Amino acid sequence: MFSSDFTHFDVADFNDVIPEAFEIVEKGYVTEQDFREFTFTNAALLHTHNNPALFKGTVVEKAVAEEVGLGALT
């Protein structure tokens, strides 16, 4: 699962964090699907396992529901 300390003082530009992480795709170490699972799907599954409505009311609600097969979050 992806984790980052992008909010730390030593990260000069937050916009560089994900593009830098994506270099593992560009270098052929993982596929784009692997990267999606690494940065999004795994976290969504982890956090909705015990609380399917965790993301309800957030900007990622629909994307999470579609990704993990929840339908409409309740």
N, C-alpha and C. Protein backbone atom coordinates (compact mmCIF):
# COMPACT_ATOMS: atom_id res chain seq x y z
N MET A 1 0.84 -1.16 0.00
CA MET A 1 0.00 0.00 0.00
C MET A 1 0.90 1.24 0.00
N PHE A 2 0.52 2.22 -0.76
CA PHE A 2 1.28 3.45 -0.89
C PHE A 2 1.16 4.29 0.38
N SER A 3 2.26 4.82 0.78
CA SER A 3 2.30 5.75 1.90
C SER A 3 3.33 6.82 1.56
N SER A 4 3.08 8.01 2.02
CA SER A 4 4.00 9.10 1.71
C SER A 4 4.04 10.08 2.86
N ASP A 5 5.17 10.73 3.00
CA ASP A 5 5.29 11.78 3.99
C ASP A 5 5.27 13.14 3.29
N PHE A 6 4.41 13.26 2.27
CA PHE A 6 4.38 14.47 1.46
C PHE A 6 4.03 15.74 2.24
N THR A 7 3.46 15.60 3.40
CA THR A 7 3.14 16.80 4.19
C THR A 7 4.30 17.24 5.07
N HIS A 8 5.40 16.52 5.03
CA HIS A 8 6.55 16.90 5.83
C HIS A 8 7.23 18.14 5.27
N PHE A 9 7.93 18.84 6.10
CA PHE A 9 8.56 20.10 5.74
C PHE A 9 9.58 19.96 4.61
N ASP A 10 10.15 18.78 4.45
CA ASP A 10 11.23 18.63 3.48
C ASP A 10 10.74 18.29 2.07
N VAL A 11 9.42 18.22 1.88
CA VAL A 11 8.87 18.02 0.55
C VAL A 11 8.57 19.40 -0.03
N ALA A 12 9.40 19.80 -0.96
CA ALA A 12 9.30 21.17 -1.49
C ALA A 12 8.05 21.40 -2.32
N ASP A 13 7.59 20.38 -3.04
CA ASP A 13 6.43 20.54 -3.92
C ASP A 13 5.57 19.29 -3.85
N PHE A 14 4.38 19.42 -3.29
CA PHE A 14 3.47 18.29 -3.15
C PHE A 14 3.14 17.65 -4.49
N ASN A 15 3.17 18.45 -5.55
CA ASN A 15 2.82 17.94 -6.88
C ASN A 15 3.86 16.97 -7.43
N ASP A 16 5.00 16.84 -6.78
CA ASP A 16 6.03 15.92 -7.26
C ASP A 16 5.91 14.52 -6.68
N VAL A 17 5.12 14.34 -5.63
CA VAL A 17 5.09 13.07 -4.91
C VAL A 17 4.55 11.93 -5.77
N ILE A 18 3.36 12.05 -6.30
CA ILE A 18 2.77 10.96 -7.09
C ILE A 18 3.51 10.76 -8.40
N PRO A 19 3.85 11.83 -9.14
CA PRO A 19 4.64 11.60 -10.36
C PRO A 19 5.96 10.87 -10.09
N GLU A 20 6.58 11.18 -8.98
CA GLU A 20 7.83 10.48 -8.65
C GLU A 20 7.55 9.01 -8.35
N ALA A 21 6.48 8.74 -7.61
CA ALA A 21 6.10 7.35 -7.33
C ALA A 21 5.76 6.60 -8.61
N PHE A 22 5.17 7.30 -9.58
CA PHE A 22 4.76 6.69 -10.85
C PHE A 22 5.96 6.24 -11.68
N GLU A 23 7.14 6.69 -11.32
CA GLU A 23 8.34 6.28 -12.05
C GLU A 23 8.51 4.76 -12.06
N ILE A 24 7.95 4.06 -11.06
CA ILE A 24 8.07 2.60 -11.06
C ILE A 24 7.31 1.98 -12.24
N VAL A 25 6.28 2.68 -12.70
CA VAL A 25 5.56 2.24 -13.90
C VAL A 25 6.38 2.58 -15.14
N GLU A 26 6.86 3.81 -15.19
CA GLU A 26 7.64 4.26 -16.34
C GLU A 26 8.90 3.42 -16.55
N LYS A 27 9.46 2.92 -15.48
CA LYS A 27 10.66 2.09 -15.58
C LYS A 27 10.34 0.62 -15.82
N GLY A 28 9.05 0.28 -15.85
CA GLY A 28 8.62 -1.07 -16.16
C GLY A 28 8.65 -2.05 -15.00
N TYR A 29 8.78 -1.53 -13.77
CA TYR A 29 8.81 -2.42 -12.61
C TYR A 29 7.43 -2.98 -12.28
N VAL A 30 6.40 -2.18 -12.53
CA VAL A 30 5.02 -2.59 -12.29
C VAL A 30 4.15 -2.07 -13.44
N THR A 31 2.98 -2.65 -13.58
CA THR A 31 2.03 -2.18 -14.60
C THR A 31 1.21 -1.02 -14.04
N GLU A 32 0.48 -0.34 -14.93
CA GLU A 32 -0.40 0.73 -14.46
C GLU A 32 -1.47 0.18 -13.53
N GLN A 33 -1.96 -1.02 -13.81
CA GLN A 33 -2.95 -1.65 -12.93
C GLN A 33 -2.35 -1.94 -11.55
N ASP A 34 -1.12 -2.43 -11.54
CA ASP A 34 -0.43 -2.66 -10.26
C ASP A 34 -0.34 -1.36 -9.47
N PHE A 35 0.02 -0.28 -10.16
CA PHE A 35 0.18 1.02 -9.51
C PHE A 35 -1.16 1.52 -8.96
N ARG A 36 -2.22 1.33 -9.72
CA ARG A 36 -3.56 1.74 -9.25
C ARG A 36 -3.92 0.98 -7.98
N GLU A 37 -3.66 -0.32 -7.98
CA GLU A 37 -3.96 -1.11 -6.79
C GLU A 37 -3.10 -0.67 -5.61
N PHE A 38 -1.84 -0.38 -5.88
CA PHE A 38 -0.89 0.05 -4.87
C PHE A 38 -1.28 1.39 -4.24
N THR A 39 -1.74 2.32 -5.04
CA THR A 39 -2.02 3.67 -4.55
C THR A 39 -3.48 3.93 -4.18
N PHE A 40 -4.41 3.08 -4.67
CA PHE A 40 -5.83 3.38 -4.46
C PHE A 40 -6.64 2.18 -4.00
N THR A 41 -6.66 1.13 -4.80
CA THR A 41 -7.54 0.00 -4.52
C THR A 41 -7.27 -0.64 -3.17
N ASN A 42 -6.02 -0.92 -2.86
CA ASN A 42 -5.69 -1.59 -1.59
C ASN A 42 -6.14 -0.76 -0.40
N ALA A 43 -5.92 0.55 -0.44
CA ALA A 43 -6.35 1.41 0.66
C ALA A 43 -7.86 1.45 0.77
N ALA A 44 -8.53 1.52 -0.37
CA ALA A 44 -9.99 1.55 -0.36
C ALA A 44 -10.55 0.26 0.24
N LEU A 45 -9.98 -0.87 -0.15
CA LEU A 45 -10.42 -2.16 0.40
C LEU A 45 -10.15 -2.24 1.90
N LEU A 46 -8.98 -1.83 2.31
CA LEU A 46 -8.63 -1.86 3.73
C LEU A 46 -9.61 -1.05 4.56
N HIS A 47 -9.86 0.17 4.13
CA HIS A 47 -10.66 1.09 4.94
C HIS A 47 -12.16 0.86 4.84
N THR A 48 -12.62 0.14 3.83
CA THR A 48 -14.06 -0.14 3.73
C THR A 48 -14.40 -1.54 4.25
N HIS A 49 -13.40 -2.33 4.57
CA HIS A 49 -13.66 -3.69 5.05
C HIS A 49 -14.54 -3.68 6.30
N ASN A 50 -14.17 -2.90 7.29
CA ASN A 50 -14.94 -2.84 8.53
C ASN A 50 -15.99 -1.74 8.54
N ASN A 51 -15.83 -0.76 7.67
CA ASN A 51 -16.77 0.35 7.63
C ASN A 51 -17.02 0.74 6.18
N PRO A 52 -17.95 0.06 5.51
CA PRO A 52 -18.20 0.33 4.10
C PRO A 52 -18.57 1.78 3.79
N ALA A 53 -19.09 2.50 4.77
CA ALA A 53 -19.52 3.89 4.54
C ALA A 53 -18.45 4.90 4.94
N LEU A 54 -17.23 4.46 5.17
CA LEU A 54 -16.18 5.37 5.65
C LEU A 54 -15.99 6.58 4.75
N PHE A 55 -16.09 6.41 3.44
CA PHE A 55 -15.83 7.50 2.52
C PHE A 55 -17.10 8.27 2.12
N LYS A 56 -18.23 7.91 2.71
CA LYS A 56 -19.49 8.60 2.40
C LYS A 56 -19.36 10.09 2.68
N GLY A 57 -19.76 10.89 1.71
CA GLY A 57 -19.71 12.33 1.85
C GLY A 57 -18.37 12.94 1.49
N THR A 58 -17.45 12.13 1.01
CA THR A 58 -16.13 12.66 0.63
C THR A 58 -16.04 12.77 -0.89
N VAL A 59 -15.02 13.45 -1.35
CA VAL A 59 -14.85 13.62 -2.80
C VAL A 59 -14.50 12.31 -3.50
N VAL A 60 -14.08 11.31 -2.75
CA VAL A 60 -13.72 10.01 -3.36
C VAL A 60 -14.80 8.95 -3.17
N GLU A 61 -15.92 9.33 -2.61
CA GLU A 61 -17.00 8.37 -2.30
C GLU A 61 -17.36 7.52 -3.51
N LYS A 62 -17.68 8.14 -4.63
CA LYS A 62 -18.12 7.40 -5.81
C LYS A 62 -17.01 6.51 -6.35
N ALA A 63 -15.80 7.03 -6.43
CA ALA A 63 -14.68 6.25 -6.96
C ALA A 63 -14.39 5.03 -6.09
N VAL A 64 -14.45 5.20 -4.78
CA VAL A 64 -14.21 4.08 -3.86
C VAL A 64 -15.31 3.04 -4.03
N ALA A 65 -16.56 3.48 -4.03
CA ALA A 65 -17.68 2.57 -4.16
C ALA A 65 -17.58 1.75 -5.44
N GLU A 66 -17.24 2.40 -6.53
CA GLU A 66 -17.09 1.70 -7.82
C GLU A 66 -15.90 0.75 -7.80
N GLU A 67 -14.82 1.16 -7.19
CA GLU A 67 -13.60 0.35 -7.16
C GLU A 67 -13.77 -0.94 -6.36
N VAL A 68 -14.44 -0.84 -5.23
CA VAL A 68 -14.55 -2.01 -4.36
C VAL A 68 -15.90 -2.71 -4.47
N GLY A 69 -16.72 -2.25 -5.40
CA GLY A 69 -18.00 -2.92 -5.67
C GLY A 69 -19.04 -2.73 -4.59
N LEU A 70 -19.10 -1.56 -4.01
CA LEU A 70 -20.05 -1.30 -2.94
C LEU A 70 -21.39 -0.78 -3.44
N GLY A 71 -21.46 -0.34 -4.66
CA GLY A 71 -22.68 0.34 -5.10
C GLY A 71 -22.76 1.67 -4.37
N ALA A 72 -23.95 2.11 -4.06
CA ALA A 72 -24.10 3.37 -3.33
C ALA A 72 -23.71 3.15 -1.88
N LEU A 73 -22.90 4.02 -1.34
CA LEU A 73 -22.51 3.91 0.06
C LEU A 73 -23.68 4.31 0.95
N THR A 74 -23.88 3.55 1.99
CA THR A 74 -24.98 3.84 2.91
C THR A 74 -24.51 4.45 4.18
